[in-house]
PDB file of N, CA and C in Angstrom:
ATOM      1  N   MET A   1     -20.429  -4.468  -1.228  1.00  0.00           N
ATOM      2  CA  MET A   1     -19.033  -4.150  -1.094  1.00  0.00           C
ATOM      3  C   MET A   1     -18.844  -2.669  -1.006  1.00  0.00           C
ATOM      4  N   THR A   2     -17.868  -2.284  -0.226  1.00  0.00           N
ATOM      5  CA  THR A   2     -17.545  -0.887   0.024  1.00  0.00           C
ATOM      6  C   THR A   2     -16.301  -0.474  -0.797  1.00  0.00           C
ATOM      7  N   LYS A   3     -16.240   0.785  -1.250  1.00  0.00           N
ATOM      8  CA  LYS A   3     -15.098   1.225  -2.004  1.00  0.00           C
ATOM      9  C   LYS A   3     -14.108   1.834  -1.025  1.00  0.00           C
ATOM     10  N   TYR A   4     -12.817   1.546  -1.229  1.00  0.00           N
ATOM     11  CA  TYR A   4     -11.727   2.039  -0.346  1.00  0.00           C
ATOM     12  C   TYR A   4     -10.562   2.577  -1.217  1.00  0.00           C
ATOM     13  N   GLU A   5      -9.756   3.361  -0.559  1.00  0.00           N
ATOM     14  CA  GLU A   5      -8.448   3.797  -1.087  1.00  0.00           C
ATOM     15  C   GLU A   5      -7.390   3.424  -0.090  1.00  0.00           C
ATOM     16  N   MET A   6      -6.288   2.905  -0.579  1.00  0.00           N
ATOM     17  CA  MET A   6      -5.166   2.588   0.293  1.00  0.00           C
ATOM     18  C   MET A   6      -3.918   3.284  -0.240  1.00  0.00           C
ATOM     19  N   LEU A   7      -3.358   4.090   0.562  1.00  0.00           N
ATOM     20  CA  LEU A   7      -2.121   4.775   0.255  1.00  0.00           C
ATOM     21  C   LEU A   7      -1.017   4.157   1.147  1.00  0.00           C
ATOM     22  N   TYR A   8       0.043   3.691   0.482  1.00  0.00           N
ATOM     23  CA  TYR A   8       1.137   3.108   1.280  1.00  0.00           C
ATOM     24  C   TYR A   8       2.422   3.654   0.713  1.00  0.00           C
ATOM     25  N   ILE A   9       3.392   3.730   1.646  1.00  0.00           N
ATOM     26  CA  ILE A   9       4.748   4.244   1.333  1.00  0.00           C
ATOM     27  C   ILE A   9       5.764   3.132   1.471  1.00  0.00           C
ATOM     28  N   LEU A  10       6.518   2.912   0.395  1.00  0.00           N
ATOM     29  CA  LEU A  10       7.595   1.911   0.427  1.00  0.00           C
ATOM     30  C   LEU A  10       8.928   2.602   0.795  1.00  0.00           C
ATOM     31  N   ALA A  11       9.778   1.887   1.471  1.00  0.00           N
ATOM     32  CA  ALA A  11      11.063   2.429   1.870  1.00  0.00           C
ATOM     33  C   ALA A  11      11.929   2.694   0.613  1.00  0.00           C
ATOM     34  N   PRO A  12      12.729   3.819   0.677  1.00  0.00           N
ATOM     35  CA  PRO A  12      13.464   4.208  -0.525  1.00  0.00           C
ATOM     36  C   PRO A  12      14.593   3.228  -0.916  1.00  0.00           C
ATOM     37  N   GLU A  13      15.071   2.404  -0.008  1.00  0.00           N
ATOM     38  CA  GLU A  13      16.171   1.503  -0.336  1.00  0.00           C
ATOM     39  C   GLU A  13      15.687   0.215  -0.988  1.00  0.00           C
ATOM     40  N   VAL A  14      14.375   0.037  -1.068  1.00  0.00           N
ATOM     41  CA  VAL A  14      13.821  -1.176  -1.723  1.00  0.00           C
ATOM     42  C   VAL A  14      14.142  -1.105  -3.237  1.00  0.00           C
ATOM     43  N   GLU A  15      14.668  -2.188  -3.776  1.00  0.00           N
ATOM     44  CA  GLU A  15      15.001  -2.215  -5.230  1.00  0.00           C
ATOM     45  C   GLU A  15      13.697  -2.245  -6.065  1.00  0.00           C
ATOM     46  N   ASP A  16      13.801  -1.819  -7.378  1.00  0.00           N
ATOM     47  CA  ASP A  16      12.639  -1.731  -8.233  1.00  0.00           C
ATOM     48  C   ASP A  16      11.917  -3.047  -8.344  1.00  0.00           C
ATOM     49  N   GLU A  17      12.652  -4.147  -8.494  1.00  0.00           N
ATOM     50  CA  GLU A  17      12.041  -5.475  -8.627  1.00  0.00           C
ATOM     51  C   GLU A  17      11.277  -5.854  -7.377  1.00  0.00           C
ATOM     52  N   ALA A  18      11.833  -5.532  -6.224  1.00  0.00           N
ATOM     53  CA  ALA A  18      11.185  -5.816  -4.953  1.00  0.00           C
ATOM     54  C   ALA A  18       9.965  -4.956  -4.780  1.00  0.00           C
ATOM     55  N   LYS A  19       9.981  -3.743  -5.253  1.00  0.00           N
ATOM     56  CA  LYS A  19       8.800  -2.860  -5.166  1.00  0.00           C
ATOM     57  C   LYS A  19       7.639  -3.495  -5.952  1.00  0.00           C
ATOM     58  N   GLU A  20       7.937  -3.992  -7.144  1.00  0.00           N
ATOM     59  CA  GLU A  20       6.901  -4.618  -7.963  1.00  0.00           C
ATOM     60  C   GLU A  20       6.365  -5.858  -7.298  1.00  0.00           C
ATOM     61  N   VAL A  21       7.209  -6.615  -6.588  1.00  0.00           N
ATOM     62  CA  VAL A  21       6.779  -7.794  -5.863  1.00  0.00           C
ATOM     63  C   VAL A  21       5.799  -7.455  -4.737  1.00  0.00           C
ATOM     64  N   ILE A  22       6.153  -6.404  -3.992  1.00  0.00           N
ATOM     65  CA  ILE A  22       5.319  -5.939  -2.886  1.00  0.00           C
ATOM     66  C   ILE A  22       3.991  -5.444  -3.393  1.00  0.00           C
ATOM     67  N   ILE A  23       3.996  -4.624  -4.443  1.00  0.00           N
ATOM     68  CA  ILE A  23       2.757  -4.077  -4.999  1.00  0.00           C
ATOM     69  C   ILE A  23       1.874  -5.203  -5.470  1.00  0.00           C
ATOM     70  N   LYS A  24       2.491  -6.181  -6.213  1.00  0.00           N
ATOM     71  CA  LYS A  24       1.725  -7.318  -6.724  1.00  0.00           C
ATOM     72  C   LYS A  24       1.132  -8.149  -5.596  1.00  0.00           C
ATOM     73  N   LYS A  25       1.870  -8.313  -4.477  1.00  0.00           N
ATOM     74  CA  LYS A  25       1.385  -9.083  -3.298  1.00  0.00           C
ATOM     75  C   LYS A  25       0.154  -8.399  -2.760  1.00  0.00           C
ATOM     76  N   ILE A  26       0.182  -7.120  -2.566  1.00  0.00           N
ATOM     77  CA  ILE A  26      -0.952  -6.386  -1.993  1.00  0.00           C
ATOM     78  C   ILE A  26      -2.174  -6.461  -2.970  1.00  0.00           C
ATOM     79  N   GLU A  27      -1.880  -6.285  -4.263  1.00  0.00           N
ATOM     80  CA  GLU A  27      -2.964  -6.357  -5.245  1.00  0.00           C
ATOM     81  C   GLU A  27      -3.620  -7.721  -5.266  1.00  0.00           C
ATOM     82  N   GLU A  28      -2.832  -8.796  -5.218  1.00  0.00           N
ATOM     83  CA  GLU A  28      -3.370 -10.150  -5.214  1.00  0.00           C
ATOM     84  C   GLU A  28      -4.157 -10.443  -3.944  1.00  0.00           C
ATOM     85  N   LEU A  29      -3.727  -9.946  -2.820  1.00  0.00           N
ATOM     86  CA  LEU A  29      -4.463 -10.128  -1.573  1.00  0.00           C
ATOM     87  C   LEU A  29      -5.843  -9.480  -1.660  1.00  0.00           C
ATOM     88  N   VAL A  30      -5.870  -8.252  -2.197  1.00  0.00           N
ATOM     89  CA  VAL A  30      -7.133  -7.527  -2.318  1.00  0.00           C
ATOM     90  C   VAL A  30      -8.033  -8.186  -3.370  1.00  0.00           C
ATOM     91  N   ALA A  31      -7.409  -8.589  -4.492  1.00  0.00           N
ATOM     92  CA  ALA A  31      -8.222  -9.198  -5.557  1.00  0.00           C
ATOM     93  C   ALA A  31      -8.828 -10.560  -5.083  1.00  0.00           C
ATOM     94  N   SER A  32      -8.172 -11.229  -4.157  1.00  0.00           N
ATOM     95  CA  SER A  32      -8.744 -12.555  -3.686  1.00  0.00           C
ATOM     96  C   SER A  32      -9.914 -12.312  -2.728  1.00  0.00           C
ATOM     97  N   ASN A  33     -10.020 -11.085  -2.215  1.00  0.00           N
ATOM     98  CA  ASN A  33     -11.086 -10.752  -1.276  1.00  0.00           C
ATOM     99  C   ASN A  33     -12.006  -9.644  -1.746  1.00  0.00           C
ATOM    100  N   GLY A  34     -11.826  -9.173  -2.973  1.00  0.00           N
ATOM    101  CA  GLY A  34     -12.633  -8.100  -3.477  1.00  0.00           C
ATOM    102  C   GLY A  34     -12.239  -7.811  -4.923  1.00  0.00           C
ATOM    103  N   ALA A  35     -12.186  -6.520  -5.295  1.00  0.00           N
ATOM    104  CA  ALA A  35     -11.819  -6.161  -6.650  1.00  0.00           C
ATOM    105  C   ALA A  35     -10.964  -4.917  -6.644  1.00  0.00           C
ATOM    106  N   VAL A  36      -9.790  -4.987  -7.344  1.00  0.00           N
ATOM    107  CA  VAL A  36      -8.915  -3.836  -7.469  1.00  0.00           C
ATOM    108  C   VAL A  36      -9.371  -3.005  -8.665  1.00  0.00           C
ATOM    109  N   GLU A  37      -9.648  -1.710  -8.410  1.00  0.00           N
ATOM    110  CA  GLU A  37     -10.017  -0.807  -9.540  1.00  0.00           C
ATOM    111  C   GLU A  37      -8.802  -0.349 -10.285  1.00  0.00           C
ATOM    112  N   LYS A  38      -7.831   0.227  -9.559  1.00  0.00           N
ATOM    113  CA  LYS A  38      -6.655   0.701 -10.207  1.00  0.00           C
ATOM    114  C   LYS A  38      -5.539   0.906  -9.173  1.00  0.00           C
ATOM    115  N   THR A  39      -4.299   0.889  -9.649  1.00  0.00           N
ATOM    116  CA  THR A  39      -3.159   1.157  -8.762  1.00  0.00           C
ATOM    117  C   THR A  39      -2.322   2.251  -9.411  1.00  0.00           C
ATOM    118  N   ASP A  40      -2.101   3.328  -8.725  1.00  0.00           N
ATOM    119  CA  ASP A  40      -1.252   4.445  -9.230  1.00  0.00           C
ATOM    120  C   ASP A  40       0.045   4.471  -8.450  1.00  0.00           C
ATOM    121  N   LYS A  41       1.152   4.409  -9.209  1.00  0.00           N
ATOM    122  CA  LYS A  41       2.458   4.500  -8.612  1.00  0.00           C
ATOM    123  C   LYS A  41       2.887   5.984  -8.730  1.00  0.00           C
ATOM    124  N   TRP A  42       2.948   6.674  -7.603  1.00  0.00           N
ATOM    125  CA  TRP A  42       3.291   8.106  -7.635  1.00  0.00           C
ATOM    126  C   TRP A  42       4.800   8.338  -7.680  1.00  0.00           C
ATOM    127  N   GLY A  43       5.574   7.375  -7.303  1.00  0.00           N
ATOM    128  CA  GLY A  43       7.043   7.478  -7.364  1.00  0.00           C
ATOM    129  C   GLY A  43       7.635   8.017  -6.060  1.00  0.00           C
ATOM    130  N   MET A  44       8.912   8.379  -6.132  1.00  0.00           N
ATOM    131  CA  MET A  44       9.605   8.857  -4.961  1.00  0.00           C
ATOM    132  C   MET A  44       9.154  10.294  -4.642  1.00  0.00           C
ATOM    133  N   LYS A  45       8.785  10.552  -3.379  1.00  0.00           N
ATOM    134  CA  LYS A  45       8.412  11.859  -2.931  1.00  0.00           C
ATOM    135  C   LYS A  45       9.050  12.092  -1.607  1.00  0.00           C
ATOM    136  N   LYS A  46       9.239  13.382  -1.258  1.00  0.00           N
ATOM    137  CA  LYS A  46       9.798  13.731   0.022  1.00  0.00           C
ATOM    138  C   LYS A  46       8.733  13.613   1.079  1.00  0.00           C
ATOM    139  N   LEU A  47       9.058  13.019   2.220  1.00  0.00           N
ATOM    140  CA  LEU A  47       8.138  12.855   3.338  1.00  0.00           C
ATOM    141  C   LEU A  47       7.958  14.155   4.092  1.00  0.00           C
ATOM    142  N   GLN A  48       6.766  14.325   4.704  1.00  0.00           N
ATOM    143  CA  GLN A  48       6.521  15.519   5.519  1.00  0.00           C
ATOM    144  C   GLN A  48       7.428  15.551   6.717  1.00  0.00           C
ATOM    145  N   TYR A  49       7.704  14.412   7.273  1.00  0.00           N
ATOM    146  CA  TYR A  49       8.589  14.302   8.455  1.00  0.00           C
ATOM    147  C   TYR A  49       9.318  12.985   8.327  1.00  0.00           C
ATOM    148  N   PRO A  50      10.544  12.879   8.911  1.00  0.00           N
ATOM    149  CA  PRO A  50      11.321  11.648   8.750  1.00  0.00           C
ATOM    150  C   PRO A  50      10.606  10.463   9.425  1.00  0.00           C
ATOM    151  N   ILE A  51      10.700   9.282   8.771  1.00  0.00           N
ATOM    152  CA  ILE A  51      10.179   8.042   9.334  1.00  0.00           C
ATOM    153  C   ILE A  51      11.343   7.085   9.355  1.00  0.00           C
ATOM    154  N   ASN A  52      11.745   6.673  10.549  1.00  0.00           N
ATOM    155  CA  ASN A  52      12.909   5.795  10.745  1.00  0.00           C
ATOM    156  C   ASN A  52      14.152   6.400  10.075  1.00  0.00           C
ATOM    157  N   TYR A  53      14.321   7.667  10.241  1.00  0.00           N
ATOM    158  CA  TYR A  53      15.446   8.457   9.741  1.00  0.00           C
ATOM    159  C   TYR A  53      15.541   8.519   8.170  1.00  0.00           C
ATOM    160  N   LYS A  54      14.388   8.269   7.540  1.00  0.00           N
ATOM    161  CA  LYS A  54      14.304   8.342   6.085  1.00  0.00           C
ATOM    162  C   LYS A  54      13.488   9.576   5.747  1.00  0.00           C
ATOM    163  N   THR A  55      13.902  10.302   4.710  1.00  0.00           N
ATOM    164  CA  THR A  55      13.231  11.532   4.300  1.00  0.00           C
ATOM    165  C   THR A  55      12.479  11.410   3.020  1.00  0.00           C
ATOM    166  N   GLU A  56      12.546  10.243   2.313  1.00  0.00           N
ATOM    167  CA  GLU A  56      11.872   9.997   1.096  1.00  0.00           C
ATOM    168  C   GLU A  56      11.183   8.658   1.126  1.00  0.00           C
ATOM    169  N   GLY A  57      10.183   8.491   0.279  1.00  0.00           N
ATOM    170  CA  GLY A  57       9.502   7.204   0.154  1.00  0.00           C
ATOM    171  C   GLY A  57       8.812   7.064  -1.207  1.00  0.00           C
ATOM    172  N   PHE A  58       8.530   5.843  -1.596  1.00  0.00           N
ATOM    173  CA  PHE A  58       7.860   5.584  -2.851  1.00  0.00           C
ATOM    174  C   PHE A  58       6.364   5.349  -2.546  1.00  0.00           C
ATOM    175  N   TYR A  59       5.562   6.323  -3.092  1.00  0.00           N
ATOM    176  CA  TYR A  59       4.118   6.316  -2.791  1.00  0.00           C
ATOM    177  C   TYR A  59       3.365   5.482  -3.795  1.00  0.00           C
ATOM    178  N   VAL A  60       2.357   4.705  -3.309  1.00  0.00           N
ATOM    179  CA  VAL A  60       1.486   3.893  -4.164  1.00  0.00           C
ATOM    180  C   VAL A  60       0.054   4.093  -3.665  1.00  0.00           C
ATOM    181  N   LEU A  61      -0.850   4.457  -4.557  1.00  0.00           N
ATOM    182  CA  LEU A  61      -2.287   4.621  -4.262  1.00  0.00           C
ATOM    183  C   LEU A  61      -3.067   3.554  -4.957  1.00  0.00           C
ATOM    184  N   MET A  62      -3.827   2.754  -4.196  1.00  0.00           N
ATOM    185  CA  MET A  62      -4.681   1.730  -4.812  1.00  0.00           C
ATOM    186  C   MET A  62      -6.116   1.963  -4.433  1.00  0.00           C
ATOM    187  N   THR A  63      -7.009   1.883  -5.406  1.00  0.00           N
ATOM    188  CA  THR A  63      -8.443   1.996  -5.150  1.00  0.00           C
ATOM    189  C   THR A  63      -9.058   0.610  -5.382  1.00  0.00           C
ATOM    190  N   PHE A  64      -9.916   0.197  -4.485  1.00  0.00           N
ATOM    191  CA  PHE A  64     -10.479  -1.144  -4.524  1.00  0.00           C
ATOM    192  C   PHE A  64     -11.804  -1.246  -3.862  1.00  0.00           C
ATOM    193  N   GLU A  65     -12.516  -2.350  -4.081  1.00  0.00           N
ATOM    194  CA  GLU A  65     -13.774  -2.659  -3.378  1.00  0.00           C
ATOM    195  C   GLU A  65     -13.547  -3.942  -2.548  1.00  0.00           C
ATOM    196  N   ALA A  66     -14.100  -3.930  -1.347  1.00  0.00           N
ATOM    197  CA  ALA A  66     -13.953  -5.106  -0.496  1.00  0.00           C
ATOM    198  C   ALA A  66     -14.981  -5.032   0.607  1.00  0.00           C
ATOM    199  N   GLU A  67     -15.106  -6.114   1.345  1.00  0.00           N
ATOM    200  CA  GLU A  67     -16.013  -6.163   2.505  1.00  0.00           C
ATOM    201  C   GLU A  67     -15.295  -5.452   3.701  1.00  0.00           C
ATOM    202  N   PRO A  68     -16.053  -4.777   4.530  1.00  0.00           N
ATOM    203  CA  PRO A  68     -15.440  -4.122   5.665  1.00  0.00           C
ATOM    204  C   PRO A  68     -14.656  -5.029   6.602  1.00  0.00           C
ATOM    205  N   THR A  69     -15.013  -6.297   6.680  1.00  0.00           N
ATOM    206  CA  THR A  69     -14.318  -7.220   7.576  1.00  0.00           C
ATOM    207  C   THR A  69     -12.918  -7.568   7.059  1.00  0.00           C
ATOM    208  N   PHE A  70     -12.645  -7.310   5.800  1.00  0.00           N
ATOM    209  CA  PHE A  70     -11.340  -7.644   5.196  1.00  0.00           C
ATOM    210  C   PHE A  70     -10.274  -6.594   5.561  1.00  0.00           C
ATOM    211  N   ILE A  71     -10.681  -5.407   5.886  1.00  0.00           N
ATOM    212  CA  ILE A  71      -9.721  -4.269   6.082  1.00  0.00           C
ATOM    213  C   ILE A  71      -8.764  -4.546   7.196  1.00  0.00           C
ATOM    214  N   LYS A  72      -9.221  -5.211   8.261  1.00  0.00           N
ATOM    215  CA  LYS A  72      -8.269  -5.533   9.395  1.00  0.00           C
ATOM    216  C   LYS A  72      -7.166  -6.458   8.896  1.00  0.00           C
ATOM    217  N   GLU A  73      -7.516  -7.429   8.079  1.00  0.00           N
ATOM    218  CA  GLU A  73      -6.581  -8.357   7.581  1.00  0.00           C
ATOM    219  C   GLU A  73      -5.538  -7.668   6.661  1.00  0.00           C
ATOM    220  N   LEU A  74      -6.063  -6.764   5.811  1.00  0.00           N
ATOM    221  CA  LEU A  74      -5.186  -6.010   4.922  1.00  0.00           C
ATOM    222  C   LEU A  74      -4.193  -5.140   5.697  1.00  0.00           C
ATOM    223  N   GLN A  75      -4.676  -4.489   6.742  1.00  0.00           N
ATOM    224  CA  GLN A  75      -3.827  -3.672   7.614  1.00  0.00           C
ATOM    225  C   GLN A  75      -2.729  -4.548   8.283  1.00  0.00           C
ATOM    226  N   ARG A  76      -3.133  -5.748   8.724  1.00  0.00           N
ATOM    227  CA  ARG A  76      -2.174  -6.643   9.400  1.00  0.00           C
ATOM    228  C   ARG A  76      -1.117  -7.100   8.424  1.00  0.00           C
ATOM    229  N   VAL A  77      -1.468  -7.504   7.224  1.00  0.00           N
ATOM    230  CA  VAL A  77      -0.511  -7.986   6.208  1.00  0.00           C
ATOM    231  C   VAL A  77       0.446  -6.844   5.841  1.00  0.00           C
ATOM    232  N   ALA A  78      -0.116  -5.646   5.606  1.00  0.00           N
ATOM    233  CA  ALA A  78       0.692  -4.499   5.210  1.00  0.00           C
ATOM    234  C   ALA A  78       1.658  -4.127   6.350  1.00  0.00           C
ATOM    235  N   GLY A  79       1.217  -4.294   7.590  1.00  0.00           N
ATOM    236  CA  GLY A  79       2.063  -3.942   8.706  1.00  0.00           C
ATOM    237  C   GLY A  79       3.253  -4.841   8.929  1.00  0.00           C
ATOM    238  N   ILE A  80       3.137  -6.129   8.499  1.00  0.00           N
ATOM    239  CA  ILE A  80       4.220  -7.043   8.716  1.00  0.00           C
ATOM    240  C   ILE A  80       5.048  -7.262   7.434  1.00  0.00           C
ATOM    241  N   THR A  81       4.667  -6.621   6.361  1.00  0.00           N
ATOM    242  CA  THR A  81       5.412  -6.752   5.118  1.00  0.00           C
ATOM    243  C   THR A  81       6.640  -5.847   5.153  1.00  0.00           C
ATOM    244  N   ASP A  82       7.816  -6.461   4.914  1.00  0.00           N
ATOM    245  CA  ASP A  82       9.046  -5.693   4.888  1.00  0.00           C
ATOM    246  C   ASP A  82       9.069  -4.756   3.696  1.00  0.00           C
ATOM    247  N   GLY A  83       9.465  -3.503   3.930  1.00  0.00           N
ATOM    248  CA  GLY A  83       9.557  -2.567   2.848  1.00  0.00           C
ATOM    249  C   GLY A  83       8.417  -1.503   2.933  1.00  0.00           C
ATOM    250  N   ILE A  84       7.309  -1.826   3.575  1.00  0.00           N
ATOM    251  CA  ILE A  84       6.191  -0.856   3.692  1.00  0.00           C
ATOM    252  C   ILE A  84       6.432  -0.061   5.005  1.00  0.00           C
ATOM    253  N   MET A  85       6.564   1.283   4.848  1.00  0.00           N
ATOM    254  CA  MET A  85       6.815   2.117   5.975  1.00  0.00           C
ATOM    255  C   MET A  85       5.503   2.571   6.631  1.00  0.00           C
ATOM    256  N   ARG A  86       4.487   2.993   5.879  1.00  0.00           N
ATOM    257  CA  ARG A  86       3.246   3.502   6.378  1.00  0.00           C
ATOM    258  C   ARG A  86       2.109   3.050   5.466  1.00  0.00           C
ATOM    259  N   THR A  87       0.911   2.939   6.009  1.00  0.00           N
ATOM    260  CA  THR A  87      -0.294   2.673   5.242  1.00  0.00           C
ATOM    261  C   THR A  87      -1.459   3.573   5.757  1.00  0.00           C
ATOM    262  N   LEU A  88      -2.340   3.884   4.851  1.00  0.00           N
ATOM    263  CA  LEU A  88      -3.561   4.604   5.228  1.00  0.00           C
ATOM    264  C   LEU A  88      -4.664   4.084   4.314  1.00  0.00           C
ATOM    265  N   ILE A  89      -5.708   3.521   4.959  1.00  0.00           N
ATOM    266  CA  ILE A  89      -6.846   2.998   4.272  1.00  0.00           C
ATOM    267  C   ILE A  89      -8.084   3.840   4.619  1.00  0.00           C
ATOM    268  N   THR A  90      -8.752   4.397   3.599  1.00  0.00           N
ATOM    269  CA  THR A  90      -9.918   5.215   3.852  1.00  0.00           C
ATOM    270  C   THR A  90     -11.068   4.765   2.960  1.00  0.00           C
ATOM    271  N   LYS A  91     -12.331   5.035   3.392  1.00  0.00           N
ATOM    272  CA  LYS A  91     -13.477   4.802   2.564  1.00  0.00           C
ATOM    273  C   LYS A  91     -13.553   5.896   1.540  1.00  0.00           C
ATOM    274  N   ARG A  92     -14.065   5.562   0.347  1.00  0.00           N
ATOM    275  CA  ARG A  92     -14.242   6.572  -0.668  1.00  0.00           C
ATOM    276  C   ARG A  92     -15.654   7.053  -0.672  1.00  0.00           C
TER     277      ARG A  92
END
């Protein structure tokens, strides 16, 4: 298994309860296909440039282990999940 980091940005208008649901959904997806090491919630931060006319976002960094074939599926699910504005998955 390979170690990865996933940084994703949640839209600022998403409620706190909905943020927890989205984070838990991503963690459960990764846990079912690998192992989650930790999830850091960085909180609201100013974006470098506007995304869909929004200037802030809620940042979440997750470190995990998974098979390389699973990354495409994780990107697909994150891309169609409402509330996630951007994702970045890198090898550690």
